[in-house]
Amino acid sequence: MSDYFPILKAKAGEFDALRCMSRSQRGTLQPIIELISRPEPKKEGDKPVNPKEHLSQVAVKIYKCWGLERTAFVDLSKLNEKYKFIDGLHQLTFFYGQLRARGVTVNPVIALDPDPDSLEVMRVILRDPRQKKVCIRIPAPDLYVTDSLATKIQFLITELNINH
């Protein structure tokens, strides 16, 4: 049976579903966990969003619901600018550090047109021998511009030294 790659928002219901899956169900699944920014508080006096705490909590949830046996893909491209740098570290560096501290290996998802900072951090992440795969997120409109698409994919393959 081939693997299934569902895209799941990093929310409580999705984490519960992953945690409740049987071992055989997990064997055919490679989830793409899409992190999303927490909304800002709506009421005065509510605690403001802390990106560091949020990403740390998500790393713990991935560890608890998915464990160490199989890898998942993690996509941080939907996080807002408030998450870009945490304690002077790029969000990817910070989040992957949180996961690795727990022994969790995840595969990165990179945008088809990454910003230079993300591209550089992705190069570093992919040098780690535990990183076996990478997923390129291709927006639907780009699928119809085949010459440009091929060029962009080839650029990423070359820049990230991806063996295909």
Protein backbone atom coordinates (compact mmCIF):
# COMPACT_ATOMS: atom_id res chain seq x y z
CA MET A 1 0.00 0.00 0.00
CA SER A 2 1.30 3.47 -0.84
CA ASP A 3 1.66 6.31 1.63
CA TYR A 4 -0.99 8.93 2.16
CA PHE A 5 0.09 12.55 2.74
CA PRO A 6 -2.78 14.44 4.39
CA ILE A 7 -2.29 18.14 5.10
CA LEU A 8 -3.33 18.77 8.70
CA LYS A 9 -3.57 22.09 10.51
CA ALA A 10 -1.66 22.02 13.80
CA LYS A 11 -4.85 22.05 15.87
CA ALA A 12 -6.10 19.98 18.79
CA GLY A 13 -8.53 17.84 16.75
CA GLU A 14 -5.90 16.86 14.20
CA PHE A 15 -3.39 16.02 16.93
CA ASP A 16 -6.02 13.89 18.71
CA ALA A 17 -6.75 12.04 15.46
CA LEU A 18 -3.05 11.26 14.93
CA ARG A 19 -2.64 10.11 18.52
CA CYS A 20 -5.63 7.72 18.26
CA MET A 21 -4.44 5.99 15.09
CA SER A 22 -3.40 2.36 15.21
CA ARG A 23 0.14 1.28 14.41
CA SER A 24 -0.98 -0.16 11.05
CA GLN A 25 -2.76 3.08 10.12
CA ARG A 26 0.35 5.07 10.99
CA GLY A 27 2.38 2.80 8.74
CA THR A 28 0.77 4.20 5.60
CA LEU A 29 0.54 7.83 6.67
CA GLN A 30 3.01 10.68 6.32
CA PRO A 31 1.17 13.74 7.56
CA ILE A 32 2.08 17.24 6.47
CA ILE A 33 1.51 19.29 9.63
CA GLU A 34 0.84 22.89 8.73
CA LEU A 35 1.57 25.28 11.58
CA ILE A 36 -0.67 28.29 11.82
CA SER A 37 -0.26 31.52 13.77
CA ARG A 38 -2.31 31.93 16.89
CA PRO A 39 -4.81 34.75 16.59
CA GLU A 40 -4.18 37.85 18.65
CA PRO A 41 -6.33 38.11 21.80
CA LYS A 42 -9.70 39.75 21.25
CA LYS A 43 -10.35 40.91 24.80
CA GLU A 44 -8.36 43.51 26.64
CA GLY A 45 -6.30 41.90 29.38
CA ASP A 46 -5.90 38.56 27.57
CA LYS A 47 -2.35 37.32 27.31
CA PRO A 48 -0.73 38.30 23.98
CA VAL A 49 0.50 35.63 21.62
CA ASN A 50 4.03 34.44 22.38
CA PRO A 51 5.48 32.76 19.25
CA LYS A 52 8.23 31.03 21.27
CA GLU A 53 5.72 29.41 23.63
CA HIS A 54 3.39 28.54 20.76
CA LEU A 55 6.06 26.77 18.70
CA SER A 56 7.40 24.99 21.79
CA GLN A 57 3.89 23.73 22.60
CA VAL A 58 3.36 22.51 19.03
CA ALA A 59 6.68 20.63 19.16
CA VAL A 60 5.51 18.85 22.34
CA LYS A 61 2.17 18.01 20.69
CA ILE A 62 3.89 16.52 17.64
CA TYR A 63 6.10 14.43 19.93
CA LYS A 64 3.10 13.20 21.97
CA CYS A 65 0.77 12.46 19.07
CA TRP A 66 3.22 11.12 16.48
CA GLY A 67 6.17 9.89 18.51
CA LEU A 68 9.55 8.82 17.26
CA GLU A 69 8.77 5.84 15.03
CA ARG A 70 7.88 7.62 11.79
CA THR A 71 8.56 11.01 10.39
CA ALA A 72 6.07 13.64 9.40
CA PHE A 73 6.45 16.74 7.28
CA VAL A 74 6.21 20.17 8.91
CA ASP A 75 5.21 23.33 7.07
CA LEU A 76 5.80 26.70 8.73
CA SER A 77 4.95 28.79 5.65
CA LYS A 78 1.57 29.94 7.02
CA LEU A 79 3.02 31.57 10.14
CA ASN A 80 2.80 35.37 10.20
CA GLU A 81 5.72 37.79 10.39
CA LYS A 82 5.58 37.88 14.21
CA TYR A 83 7.00 34.34 14.11
CA LYS A 84 9.85 35.04 11.67
CA PHE A 85 12.60 35.33 14.29
CA ILE A 86 12.46 33.95 17.85
CA ASP A 87 15.26 34.78 20.28
CA GLY A 88 17.33 35.86 17.29
CA LEU A 89 16.81 32.50 15.54
CA HIS A 90 14.90 31.97 12.32
CA GLN A 91 11.58 30.22 13.01
CA LEU A 92 12.77 27.07 11.20
CA THR A 93 15.96 26.87 13.27
CA PHE A 94 14.05 27.42 16.50
CA PHE A 95 11.26 24.94 15.73
CA TYR A 96 13.53 22.17 14.44
CA GLY A 97 15.67 22.64 17.53
CA GLN A 98 12.59 22.16 19.71
CA LEU A 99 11.72 18.94 17.88
CA ARG A 100 15.27 17.56 17.91
CA ALA A 101 15.56 18.24 21.64
CA ARG A 102 12.70 15.73 22.02
CA GLY A 103 14.22 13.23 19.58
CA VAL A 104 11.62 13.92 16.89
CA THR A 105 12.70 13.92 13.27
CA VAL A 106 10.46 15.73 10.82
CA ASN A 107 10.93 16.49 7.18
CA PRO A 108 10.77 20.12 6.10
CA VAL A 109 8.34 21.68 3.66
CA ILE A 110 9.76 24.56 1.64
CA ALA A 111 7.94 27.10 -0.49
CA LEU A 112 8.52 27.08 -4.23
CA ASP A 113 9.81 30.68 -3.92
CA PRO A 114 11.42 30.81 -0.47
CA ASP A 115 12.81 34.02 0.94
CA PRO A 116 16.64 34.08 1.21
CA ASP A 117 16.64 33.58 5.00
CA SER A 118 14.42 30.49 4.76
CA LEU A 119 16.50 29.08 1.91
CA GLU A 120 19.71 29.45 3.94
CA VAL A 121 18.18 27.85 7.04
CA MET A 122 16.78 25.02 4.93
CA ARG A 123 20.29 24.34 3.57
CA VAL A 124 21.52 23.91 7.15
CA ILE A 125 18.58 21.69 8.15
CA LEU A 126 19.07 19.43 5.14
CA ARG A 127 22.75 18.88 5.97
CA ASP A 128 21.61 16.87 8.99
CA PRO A 129 21.93 13.17 8.07
CA ARG A 130 18.58 12.43 9.76
CA GLN A 131 16.81 14.50 7.11
CA LYS A 132 15.79 12.03 4.44
CA LYS A 133 13.12 13.97 2.57
CA VAL A 134 11.93 17.45 1.70
CA CYS A 135 8.58 18.56 0.36
CA ILE A 136 8.23 21.50 -2.01
CA ARG A 137 4.95 23.38 -1.57
CA ILE A 138 3.72 24.38 -5.03
CA PRO A 139 0.83 26.85 -5.22
CA ALA A 140 -1.91 25.71 -7.63
CA PRO A 141 -1.44 28.60 -10.12
CA ASP A 142 2.24 27.66 -10.55
CA LEU A 143 1.26 24.20 -11.78
CA TYR A 144 0.11 25.71 -15.07
CA VAL A 145 3.32 27.63 -15.82
CA THR A 146 5.40 24.57 -16.62
CA ASP A 147 8.58 26.28 -17.87
CA SER A 148 8.78 28.50 -14.81
CA LEU A 149 7.82 25.61 -12.51
CA ALA A 150 10.57 23.36 -13.84
CA THR A 151 13.13 26.15 -13.46
CA LYS A 152 12.07 26.89 -9.87
CA ILE A 153 12.13 23.22 -8.88
CA GLN A 154 15.55 22.74 -10.47
CA PHE A 155 16.81 25.82 -8.61
CA LEU A 156 15.68 24.35 -5.27
CA ILE A 157 17.15 20.94 -6.07
CA THR A 158 20.49 22.55 -6.87
CA GLU A 159 20.50 25.11 -4.03
CA LEU A 160 19.50 22.57 -1.40
CA ASN A 161 21.68 19.79 -2.83
CA ILE A 162 18.71 17.43 -2.99
CA ASN A 163 19.43 13.97 -4.35
CA HIS A 164 16.44 12.78 -6.32
